[in-house]
Amino acid sequence: MPELPEAESVVRGLRAHLPRGGIESVEVAHGDLIRGDVDAFRRELMGRRLDRVLRRGKNVVLALDPEAFLVVNLGMTGRLVPRRPSAHGDEPTHPGVIFRLQDGHRLVYHDPRRFGSLELHDPASFRVWSERLGPEPLDRAFTARRLADLLSRSRAPIRSWLLDQRRVAGVGNIYANEALHRAGIHPRRPAGELTMEETKALHRGLRAILRSAVAEGGTTLRDFRDPAGKEGRFRDALRVYGREGRPCPRCGAPVRREVFGGRSAFLCPGCQPPPRAPGFTPR
């Protein structure tokens, strides 16, 4: 599923090519993609203008005028594809929703597996939705001290904590694994047991990984493409994720895969020591 860097790549791609005409019609090919009543969704969008593209966590947000917000979660295979009136070439093969604009442009939500969703909010409901998510890890306000305060309240394994969108928004399994490896922290360590030095290392590692992945257009393992159809290039920089049995680039030990919380965790047994018995003081 696309994470923060992939959603940010979609946002940046759309900003460069966002059609700004008023919405003339909305064609919903698959109603299961819409959260809420499909007819109301169509009706409320008519005549609104695409104004700005934002990101919140893993979600792409289309800000509309008059004021409303269309939240798009890309699921596993979703894409937002802008099409010019004179566009030729391959059309999206699995259009779920097509927004037709008054100037002839189209914006197509394409989703072969239909795990994504689209939800329309007024300003009040959008604020409520946004407040359910945790802080943005790349915001200036997300400091190591803030992270330490949030971690101190939890006994959950740190990998599971990072995946909880109510704790911190936008981090998924790829970047959680990579950040923990960079910080030298085992994915099963209880979140509240991290020392301040470990928390600082995790904070640095997480922000560095996310920034690097954004700069490379995200990570494409199978399906992800940006609005122009380009793959994310960060795959070649992954140190542990999906590299079971291959040597750790830091110490050479074989990368290990463990499953807990219903998800695979990838780690280096040499660089990321396992949790110790109660009473042990981490290094």
C-alpha atoms as a PDB file:
ATOM      1  CA  MET A   1       0.000   0.000   0.000  1.00  0.00           C
ATOM      2  CA  PRO A   2       1.377   3.446  -0.844  1.00  0.00           C
ATOM      3  CA  GLU A   3       2.894   5.227   2.151  1.00  0.00           C
ATOM      4  CA  LEU A   4       3.829   8.850   2.760  1.00  0.00           C
ATOM      5  CA  PRO A   5       6.533   9.097   0.027  1.00  0.00           C
ATOM      6  CA  GLU A   6       4.286   7.547  -2.610  1.00  0.00           C
ATOM      7  CA  ALA A   7       1.316   9.768  -1.701  1.00  0.00           C
ATOM      8  CA  GLU A   8       3.628  12.805  -1.749  1.00  0.00           C
ATOM      9  CA  SER A   9       4.867  11.803  -5.214  1.00  0.00           C
ATOM     10  CA  VAL A  10       1.276  11.650  -6.441  1.00  0.00           C
ATOM     11  CA  VAL A  11       0.555  15.067  -4.929  1.00  0.00           C
ATOM     12  CA  ARG A  12       3.604  16.639  -6.575  1.00  0.00           C
ATOM     13  CA  GLY A  13       2.768  15.058  -9.907  1.00  0.00           C
ATOM     14  CA  LEU A  14      -0.801  16.318  -9.791  1.00  0.00           C
ATOM     15  CA  ARG A  15       0.246  19.829  -8.813  1.00  0.00           C
ATOM     16  CA  ALA A  16       2.179  20.089 -12.069  1.00  0.00           C
ATOM     17  CA  HIS A  17      -0.779  19.011 -14.214  1.00  0.00           C
ATOM     18  CA  LEU A  18      -3.908  19.694 -12.162  1.00  0.00           C
ATOM     19  CA  PRO A  19      -6.835  20.649 -14.385  1.00  0.00           C
ATOM     20  CA  ARG A  20      -8.626  23.599 -12.788  1.00  0.00           C
ATOM     21  CA  GLY A  21     -11.937  23.720 -14.610  1.00  0.00           C
ATOM     22  CA  GLY A  22     -15.239  23.235 -12.849  1.00  0.00           C
ATOM     23  CA  ILE A  23     -16.519  19.667 -12.527  1.00  0.00           C
ATOM     24  CA  GLU A  24     -19.157  19.090 -15.201  1.00  0.00           C
ATOM     25  CA  SER A  25     -19.947  15.456 -14.469  1.00  0.00           C
ATOM     26  CA  VAL A  26     -18.845  12.557 -12.279  1.00  0.00           C
ATOM     27  CA  GLU A  27     -19.029   9.025 -13.645  1.00  0.00           C
ATOM     28  CA  VAL A  28     -18.830   6.337 -10.965  1.00  0.00           C
ATOM     29  CA  ALA A  29     -18.102   2.953 -12.510  1.00  0.00           C
ATOM     30  CA  HIS A  30     -17.678   1.184  -9.167  1.00  0.00           C
ATOM     31  CA  GLY A  31     -19.791   2.463  -6.303  1.00  0.00           C
ATOM     32  CA  ASP A  32     -17.840   0.411  -3.750  1.00  0.00           C
ATOM     33  CA  LEU A  33     -14.981   2.921  -4.117  1.00  0.00           C
ATOM     34  CA  ILE A  34     -17.145   5.716  -2.669  1.00  0.00           C
ATOM     35  CA  ARG A  35     -17.512   6.144   1.067  1.00  0.00           C
ATOM     36  CA  GLY A  36     -21.038   7.396   1.572  1.00  0.00           C
ATOM     37  CA  ASP A  37     -23.985   7.721  -0.759  1.00  0.00           C
ATOM     38  CA  VAL A  38     -22.926   7.620  -4.420  1.00  0.00           C
ATOM     39  CA  ASP A  39     -25.700   9.921  -5.666  1.00  0.00           C
ATOM     40  CA  ALA A  40     -24.896  12.499  -2.978  1.00  0.00           C
ATOM     41  CA  PHE A  41     -21.209  12.205  -3.891  1.00  0.00           C
ATOM     42  CA  ARG A  42     -21.967  13.047  -7.523  1.00  0.00           C
ATOM     43  CA  ARG A  43     -24.393  15.812  -6.652  1.00  0.00           C
ATOM     44  CA  GLU A  44     -22.114  17.562  -4.152  1.00  0.00           C
ATOM     45  CA  LEU A  45     -19.187  17.616  -6.606  1.00  0.00           C
ATOM     46  CA  MET A  46     -21.069  19.170  -9.513  1.00  0.00           C
ATOM     47  CA  GLY A  47     -19.800  22.664 -10.359  1.00  0.00           C
ATOM     48  CA  ARG A  48     -16.960  22.631  -7.844  1.00  0.00           C
ATOM     49  CA  ARG A  49     -13.494  23.528  -9.041  1.00  0.00           C
ATOM     50  CA  LEU A  50     -10.283  21.616  -8.351  1.00  0.00           C
ATOM     51  CA  ASP A  51      -8.209  24.132  -6.446  1.00  0.00           C
ATOM     52  CA  ARG A  52      -5.226  22.544  -4.652  1.00  0.00           C
ATOM     53  CA  VAL A  53      -3.685  19.143  -3.976  1.00  0.00           C
ATOM     54  CA  LEU A  54      -2.614  18.278  -0.437  1.00  0.00           C
ATOM     55  CA  ARG A  55      -1.434  15.215   1.465  1.00  0.00           C
ATOM     56  CA  ARG A  56      -2.437  13.971   4.897  1.00  0.00           C
ATOM     57  CA  GLY A  57      -0.663  10.816   5.996  1.00  0.00           C
ATOM     58  CA  LYS A  58      -0.996   8.249   3.201  1.00  0.00           C
ATOM     59  CA  ASN A  59      -3.933  10.087   1.627  1.00  0.00           C
ATOM     60  CA  VAL A  60      -4.147  12.462  -1.324  1.00  0.00           C
ATOM     61  CA  VAL A  61      -6.514  15.364  -0.633  1.00  0.00           C
ATOM     62  CA  LEU A  62      -8.113  17.395  -3.425  1.00  0.00           C
ATOM     63  CA  ALA A  63      -9.163  20.777  -2.045  1.00  0.00           C
ATOM     64  CA  LEU A  64     -12.219  22.071  -3.908  1.00  0.00           C
ATOM     65  CA  ASP A  65     -13.853  25.453  -4.410  1.00  0.00           C
ATOM     66  CA  PRO A  66     -16.444  26.151  -2.966  1.00  0.00           C
ATOM     67  CA  GLU A  67     -14.747  24.758   0.107  1.00  0.00           C
ATOM     68  CA  ALA A  68     -14.785  20.974   0.333  1.00  0.00           C
ATOM     69  CA  PHE A  69     -12.192  18.228   0.494  1.00  0.00           C
ATOM     70  CA  LEU A  70     -12.039  15.005  -1.503  1.00  0.00           C
ATOM     71  CA  VAL A  71      -9.897  12.455   0.367  1.00  0.00           C
ATOM     72  CA  VAL A  72      -8.444   9.755  -1.875  1.00  0.00           C
ATOM     73  CA  ASN A  73      -6.861   6.683  -0.332  1.00  0.00           C
ATOM     74  CA  LEU A  74      -5.023   4.834  -3.100  1.00  0.00           C
ATOM     75  CA  GLY A  75      -5.277   1.404  -1.515  1.00  0.00           C
ATOM     76  CA  MET A  76      -2.858  -1.006  -3.190  1.00  0.00           C
ATOM     77  CA  THR A  77      -3.303  -0.179  -6.880  1.00  0.00           C
ATOM     78  CA  GLY A  78      -5.068   3.190  -7.071  1.00  0.00           C
ATOM     79  CA  ARG A  79      -3.845   6.004  -9.319  1.00  0.00           C
ATOM     80  CA  LEU A  80      -5.074   9.503 -10.149  1.00  0.00           C
ATOM     81  CA  VAL A  81      -4.502  10.146 -13.846  1.00  0.00           C
ATOM     82  CA  PRO A  82      -5.086  13.602 -15.382  1.00  0.00           C
ATOM     83  CA  ARG A  83      -6.038  13.552 -19.061  1.00  0.00           C
ATOM     84  CA  ARG A  84      -5.963  16.527 -21.420  1.00  0.00           C
ATOM     85  CA  PRO A  85      -8.763  17.071 -23.968  1.00  0.00           C
ATOM     86  CA  SER A  86      -6.398  16.191 -26.815  1.00  0.00           C
ATOM     87  CA  ALA A  87      -4.682  13.308 -25.022  1.00  0.00           C
ATOM     88  CA  HIS A  88      -3.863  10.285 -27.133  1.00  0.00           C
ATOM     89  CA  GLY A  89      -2.375   6.942 -26.196  1.00  0.00           C
ATOM     90  CA  ASP A  90      -3.256   4.392 -23.588  1.00  0.00           C
ATOM     91  CA  GLU A  91      -6.301   5.102 -21.465  1.00  0.00           C
ATOM     92  CA  PRO A  92      -6.556   3.859 -17.864  1.00  0.00           C
ATOM     93  CA  THR A  93      -7.699   0.244 -18.093  1.00  0.00           C
ATOM     94  CA  HIS A  94      -9.652   0.117 -14.808  1.00  0.00           C
ATOM     95  CA  PRO A  95     -11.367   3.494 -14.375  1.00  0.00           C
ATOM     96  CA  GLY A  96     -13.319   3.551 -11.133  1.00  0.00           C
ATOM     97  CA  VAL A  97     -14.359   7.215 -11.115  1.00  0.00           C
ATOM     98  CA  ILE A  98     -14.052   9.772 -13.925  1.00  0.00           C
ATOM     99  CA  PHE A  99     -14.292  13.497 -13.231  1.00  0.00           C
ATOM    100  CA  ARG A 100     -15.124  15.408 -16.430  1.00  0.00           C
ATOM    101  CA  LEU A 101     -14.345  19.106 -16.320  1.00  0.00           C
ATOM    102  CA  GLN A 102     -15.931  21.994 -18.169  1.00  0.00           C
ATOM    103  CA  ASP A 103     -12.745  22.724 -20.117  1.00  0.00           C
ATOM    104  CA  GLY A 104     -12.565  19.176 -21.498  1.00  0.00           C
ATOM    105  CA  HIS A 105      -9.992  17.798 -19.083  1.00  0.00           C
ATOM    106  CA  ARG A 106     -10.622  14.606 -17.156  1.00  0.00           C
ATOM    107  CA  LEU A 107      -9.259  13.284 -13.900  1.00  0.00           C
ATOM    108  CA  VAL A 108      -9.502   9.492 -13.728  1.00  0.00           C
ATOM    109  CA  TYR A 109      -9.289   7.420 -10.569  1.00  0.00           C
ATOM    110  CA  HIS A 110      -7.911   4.087 -11.801  1.00  0.00           C
ATOM    111  CA  ASP A 111      -7.846   1.074  -9.444  1.00  0.00           C
ATOM    112  CA  PRO A 112      -7.618  -2.521 -10.723  1.00  0.00           C
ATOM    113  CA  ARG A 113      -8.034  -4.169  -7.306  1.00  0.00           C
ATOM    114  CA  ARG A 114     -10.439  -1.567  -5.884  1.00  0.00           C
ATOM    115  CA  PHE A 115      -8.969  -1.447  -2.370  1.00  0.00           C
ATOM    116  CA  GLY A 116      -8.855   2.357  -2.479  1.00  0.00           C
ATOM    117  CA  SER A 117     -11.575   4.814  -1.544  1.00  0.00           C
ATOM    118  CA  LEU A 118     -12.859   8.329  -2.185  1.00  0.00           C
ATOM    119  CA  GLU A 119     -14.656  10.339   0.490  1.00  0.00           C
ATOM    120  CA  LEU A 120     -16.039  13.867   0.235  1.00  0.00           C
ATOM    121  CA  HIS A 121     -15.881  16.126   3.305  1.00  0.00           C
ATOM    122  CA  ASP A 122     -17.122  19.569   4.226  1.00  0.00           C
ATOM    123  CA  PRO A 123     -14.616  21.643   6.259  1.00  0.00           C
ATOM    124  CA  ALA A 124     -15.968  20.482   9.635  1.00  0.00           C
ATOM    125  CA  SER A 125     -15.959  16.764   8.854  1.00  0.00           C
ATOM    126  CA  PHE A 126     -12.545  17.062   7.196  1.00  0.00           C
ATOM    127  CA  ARG A 127     -11.138  18.591  10.373  1.00  0.00           C
ATOM    128  CA  VAL A 128     -12.585  15.727  12.435  1.00  0.00           C
ATOM    129  CA  TRP A 129     -11.140  13.174   9.989  1.00  0.00           C
ATOM    130  CA  SER A 130      -7.705  14.804  10.026  1.00  0.00           C
ATOM    131  CA  GLU A 131      -7.592  15.028  13.808  1.00  0.00           C
ATOM    132  CA  ARG A 132      -7.982  11.250  14.039  1.00  0.00           C
ATOM    133  CA  LEU A 133      -4.553  10.889  12.434  1.00  0.00           C
ATOM    134  CA  GLY A 134      -1.266  11.330  14.243  1.00  0.00           C
ATOM    135  CA  PRO A 135       1.306  14.046  13.536  1.00  0.00           C
ATOM    136  CA  GLU A 136       3.120  14.300  10.220  1.00  0.00           C
ATOM    137  CA  PRO A 137       6.640  12.889  10.705  1.00  0.00           C
ATOM    138  CA  LEU A 138       8.248  15.452   8.381  1.00  0.00           C
ATOM    139  CA  ASP A 139       6.677  18.480  10.060  1.00  0.00           C
ATOM    140  CA  ARG A 140       9.033  20.743  12.025  1.00  0.00           C
ATOM    141  CA  ALA A 141       6.874  20.248  15.112  1.00  0.00           C
ATOM    142  CA  PHE A 142       7.577  16.515  15.070  1.00  0.00           C
ATOM    143  CA  THR A 143      10.725  16.640  17.188  1.00  0.00           C
ATOM    144  CA  ALA A 144      12.604  13.838  18.930  1.00  0.00           C
ATOM    145  CA  ARG A 145      11.202  15.121  22.230  1.00  0.00           C
ATOM    146  CA  ARG A 146       7.655  14.927  20.844  1.00  0.00           C
ATOM    147  CA  LEU A 147       8.317  11.399  19.618  1.00  0.00           C
ATOM    148  CA  ALA A 148       9.682  10.387  23.032  1.00  0.00           C
ATOM    149  CA  ASP A 149       6.562  11.729  24.725  1.00  0.00           C
ATOM    150  CA  LEU A 150       4.299   9.774  22.385  1.00  0.00           C
ATOM    151  CA  LEU A 151       6.302   6.562  22.735  1.00  0.00           C
ATOM    152  CA  SER A 152       6.330   6.727  26.526  1.00  0.00           C
ATOM    153  CA  ARG A 153       2.630   5.952  26.683  1.00  0.00           C
ATOM    154  CA  SER A 154       2.762   2.634  24.833  1.00  0.00           C
ATOM    155  CA  ARG A 155       3.825  -0.955  25.439  1.00  0.00           C
ATOM    156  CA  ALA A 156       3.177  -1.932  21.810  1.00  0.00           C
ATOM    157  CA  PRO A 157       6.086  -3.275  19.741  1.00  0.00           C
ATOM    158  CA  ILE A 158       7.760  -0.285  18.112  1.00  0.00           C
ATOM    159  CA  ARG A 159       7.109  -1.545  14.563  1.00  0.00           C
ATOM    160  CA  SER A 160       3.398  -1.912  15.357  1.00  0.00           C
ATOM    161  CA  TRP A 161       3.405   1.530  16.980  1.00  0.00           C
ATOM    162  CA  LEU A 162       4.861   3.121  13.855  1.00  0.00           C
ATOM    163  CA  LEU A 163       2.212   1.484  11.667  1.00  0.00           C
ATOM    164  CA  ASP A 164      -0.659   2.882  13.740  1.00  0.00           C
ATOM    165  CA  GLN A 165      -1.863   5.940  11.809  1.00  0.00           C
ATOM    166  CA  ARG A 166      -3.310   7.390  15.015  1.00  0.00           C
ATOM    167  CA  ARG A 167       0.239   7.558  16.429  1.00  0.00           C
ATOM    168  CA  VAL A 168       2.090   8.990  13.436  1.00  0.00           C
ATOM    169  CA  ALA A 169       0.602   9.561   9.992  1.00  0.00           C
ATOM    170  CA  GLY A 170       1.959   8.155   6.756  1.00  0.00           C
ATOM    171  CA  VAL A 171       4.411   5.476   7.910  1.00  0.00           C
ATOM    172  CA  GLY A 172       3.823   1.955   6.615  1.00  0.00           C
ATOM    173  CA  ASN A 173       5.705  -1.313   6.757  1.00  0.00           C
ATOM    174  CA  ILE A 174       8.432  -0.443   4.257  1.00  0.00           C
ATOM    175  CA  TYR A 175       9.663   2.718   5.932  1.00  0.00           C
ATOM    176  CA  ALA A 176       9.076   1.508   9.488  1.00  0.00           C
ATOM    177  CA  ASN A 177      11.391  -1.451   8.848  1.00  0.00           C
ATOM    178  CA  GLU A 178      13.989   0.725   7.150  1.00  0.00           C
ATOM    179  CA  ALA A 179      13.965   3.372   9.895  1.00  0.00           C
ATOM    180  CA  LEU A 180      14.300   0.778  12.668  1.00  0.00           C
ATOM    181  CA  HIS A 181      17.246  -0.819  10.906  1.00  0.00           C
ATOM    182  CA  ARG A 182      18.940   2.529  10.493  1.00  0.00           C
ATOM    183  CA  ALA A 183      18.402   3.247  14.215  1.00  0.00           C
ATOM    184  CA  GLY A 184      19.552  -0.231  15.306  1.00  0.00           C
ATOM    185  CA  ILE A 185      16.260  -1.019  17.060  1.00  0.00           C
ATOM    186  CA  HIS A 186      14.550  -4.412  16.968  1.00  0.00           C
ATOM    187  CA  PRO A 187      10.963  -4.237  15.625  1.00  0.00           C
ATOM    188  CA  ARG A 188       9.623  -6.077  18.685  1.00  0.00           C
ATOM    189  CA  ARG A 189      11.059  -3.662  21.255  1.00  0.00           C
ATOM    190  CA  PRO A 190       8.285  -2.158  23.406  1.00  0.00           C
ATOM    191  CA  ALA A 191       7.819   1.439  22.299  1.00  0.00           C
ATOM    192  CA  GLY A 192       7.884   2.834  25.823  1.00  0.00           C
ATOM    193  CA  GLU A 193      11.230   1.200  26.611  1.00  0.00           C
ATOM    194  CA  LEU A 194      13.293   3.092  24.054  1.00  0.00           C
ATOM    195  CA  THR A 195      15.956   5.289  25.597  1.00  0.00           C
ATOM    196  CA  MET A 196      16.232   8.934  24.636  1.00  0.00           C
ATOM    197  CA  GLU A 197      19.313   8.151  22.529  1.00  0.00           C
ATOM    198  CA  GLU A 198      17.434   5.397  20.705  1.00  0.00           C
ATOM    199  CA  THR A 199      14.474   7.696  20.209  1.00  0.00           C
ATOM    200  CA  LYS A 200      16.728  10.343  18.703  1.00  0.00           C
ATOM    201  CA  ALA A 201      18.257   7.753  16.382  1.00  0.00           C
ATOM    202  CA  LEU A 202      14.787   6.583  15.316  1.00  0.00           C
ATOM    203  CA  HIS A 203      13.645  10.159  14.770  1.00  0.00           C
ATOM    204  CA  ARG A 204      16.689  10.916  12.589  1.00  0.00           C
ATOM    205  CA  GLY A 205      16.391   7.648  10.715  1.00  0.00           C
ATOM    206  CA  LEU A 206      12.672   7.953  10.040  1.00  0.00           C
ATOM    207  CA  ARG A 207      12.892  11.500   8.717  1.00  0.00           C
ATOM    208  CA  ALA A 208      15.980  10.728   6.631  1.00  0.00           C
ATOM    209  CA  ILE A 209      14.374   7.639   5.089  1.00  0.00           C
ATOM    210  CA  LEU A 210      11.137   9.465   4.276  1.00  0.00           C
ATOM    211  CA  ARG A 211      12.932  12.462   2.747  1.00  0.00           C
ATOM    212  CA  SER A 212      15.145  10.228   0.627  1.00  0.00           C
ATOM    213  CA  ALA A 213      12.182   8.186  -0.552  1.00  0.00           C
ATOM    214  CA  VAL A 214      10.228  11.327  -1.462  1.00  0.00           C
ATOM    215  CA  ALA A 215      13.219  12.573  -3.470  1.00  0.00           C
ATOM    216  CA  GLU A 216      13.263   9.258  -5.373  1.00  0.00           C
ATOM    217  CA  GLY A 217       9.538   9.306  -6.122  1.00  0.00           C
ATOM    218  CA  GLY A 218       8.711   6.602  -3.566  1.00  0.00           C
ATOM    219  CA  THR A 219       9.169   2.835  -3.759  1.00  0.00           C
ATOM    220  CA  THR A 220       7.674   0.661  -6.476  1.00  0.00           C
ATOM    221  CA  LEU A 221       7.668  -3.011  -5.566  1.00  0.00           C
ATOM    222  CA  ARG A 222       4.877  -3.991  -7.948  1.00  0.00           C
ATOM    223  CA  ASP A 223       2.027  -1.597  -8.719  1.00  0.00           C
ATOM    224  CA  PHE A 224       2.819   1.958  -7.646  1.00  0.00           C
ATOM    225  CA  ARG A 225       3.069   4.601 -10.376  1.00  0.00           C
ATOM    226  CA  ASP A 226       2.899   8.387 -10.138  1.00  0.00           C
ATOM    227  CA  PRO A 227       0.371  10.373 -12.244  1.00  0.00           C
ATOM    228  CA  ALA A 228       2.793  10.309 -15.206  1.00  0.00           C
ATOM    229  CA  GLY A 229       3.124   6.529 -14.951  1.00  0.00           C
ATOM    230  CA  LYS A 230       6.657   6.554 -13.520  1.00  0.00           C
ATOM    231  CA  GLU A 231       7.845   4.029 -10.945  1.00  0.00           C
ATOM    232  CA  GLY A 232       9.351   5.030  -7.602  1.00  0.00           C
ATOM    233  CA  ARG A 233      13.132   4.633  -7.560  1.00  0.00           C
ATOM    234  CA  PHE A 234      13.781   4.074  -3.842  1.00  0.00           C
ATOM    235  CA  ARG A 235      13.543   0.272  -4.176  1.00  0.00           C
ATOM    236  CA  ASP A 236      17.272   0.017  -4.887  1.00  0.00           C
ATOM    237  CA  ALA A 237      18.090   1.867  -1.645  1.00  0.00           C
ATOM    238  CA  LEU A 238      16.185  -0.541   0.644  1.00  0.00           C
ATOM    239  CA  ARG A 239      18.496  -2.104   3.231  1.00  0.00           C
ATOM    240  CA  VAL A 240      16.265  -4.736   4.850  1.00  0.00           C
ATOM    241  CA  TYR A 241      12.701  -4.626   3.541  1.00  0.00           C
ATOM    242  CA  GLY A 242      12.091  -7.594   1.220  1.00  0.00           C
ATOM    243  CA  ARG A 243      15.746  -8.666   1.502  1.00  0.00           C
ATOM    244  CA  GLU A 244      15.386 -11.839   3.564  1.00  0.00           C
ATOM    245  CA  GLY A 245      18.593 -13.902   3.484  1.00  0.00           C
ATOM    246  CA  ARG A 246      20.638 -11.193   1.800  1.00  0.00           C
ATOM    247  CA  PRO A 247      23.549  -9.555   3.642  1.00  0.00           C
ATOM    248  CA  CYS A 248      22.963  -6.526   5.812  1.00  0.00           C
ATOM    249  CA  PRO A 249      24.815  -3.630   4.132  1.00  0.00           C
ATOM    250  CA  ARG A 250      26.149  -2.540   7.518  1.00  0.00           C
ATOM    251  CA  CYS A 251      27.452  -5.759   9.112  1.00  0.00           C
ATOM    252  CA  GLY A 252      26.971  -8.511   6.539  1.00  0.00           C
ATOM    253  CA  ALA A 253      24.662 -10.708   8.636  1.00  0.00           C
ATOM    254  CA  PRO A 254      21.758 -12.283   6.686  1.00  0.00           C
ATOM    255  CA  VAL A 255      18.567 -10.240   6.897  1.00  0.00           C
ATOM    256  CA  ARG A 256      15.831 -12.065   8.806  1.00  0.00           C
ATOM    257  CA  ARG A 257      12.076 -12.030   8.292  1.00  0.00           C
ATOM    258  CA  GLU A 258       9.714 -12.357  11.250  1.00  0.00           C
ATOM    259  CA  VAL A 259       5.926 -12.232  11.197  1.00  0.00           C
ATOM    260  CA  PHE A 260       4.010 -10.576  14.024  1.00  0.00           C
ATOM    261  CA  GLY A 261       0.956  -8.420  14.171  1.00  0.00           C
ATOM    262  CA  GLY A 262      -0.078 -10.005  10.871  1.00  0.00           C
ATOM    263  CA  ARG A 263       2.778  -8.326   8.980  1.00  0.00           C
ATOM    264  CA  SER A 264       6.303  -9.284   7.963  1.00  0.00           C
ATOM    265  CA  ALA A 265       9.128  -7.500   9.722  1.00  0.00           C
ATOM    266  CA  PHE A 266      12.618  -7.450   8.212  1.00  0.00           C
ATOM    267  CA  LEU A 267      15.648  -6.924  10.420  1.00  0.00           C
ATOM    268  CA  CYS A 268      19.342  -7.561  10.836  1.00  0.00           C
ATOM    269  CA  PRO A 269      20.023  -9.832  13.854  1.00  0.00           C
ATOM    270  CA  GLY A 270      23.474  -8.305  14.159  1.00  0.00           C
ATOM    271  CA  CYS A 271      22.513  -4.632  14.091  1.00  0.00           C
ATOM    272  CA  GLN A 272      19.125  -4.897  15.807  1.00  0.00           C
ATOM    273  CA  PRO A 273      19.427  -6.930  19.032  1.00  0.00           C
ATOM    274  CA  PRO A 274      16.198  -8.512  20.291  1.00  0.00           C
ATOM    275  CA  PRO A 275      14.353  -7.300  23.382  1.00  0.00           C
ATOM    276  CA  ARG A 276      15.944  -8.489  26.632  1.00  0.00           C
ATOM    277  CA  ALA A 277      14.439  -9.802  29.831  1.00  0.00           C
ATOM    278  CA  PRO A 278      12.777  -7.323  32.235  1.00  0.00           C
ATOM    279  CA  GLY A 279      15.333  -5.322  34.134  1.00  0.00           C
ATOM    280  CA  PHE A 280      17.786  -5.132  31.259  1.00  0.00           C
ATOM    281  CA  THR A 281      18.938  -1.599  30.500  1.00  0.00           C
ATOM    282  CA  PRO A 282      19.286  -1.093  26.697  1.00  0.00           C
ATOM    283  CA  ARG A 283      22.549   0.267  25.408  1.00  0.00           C
END
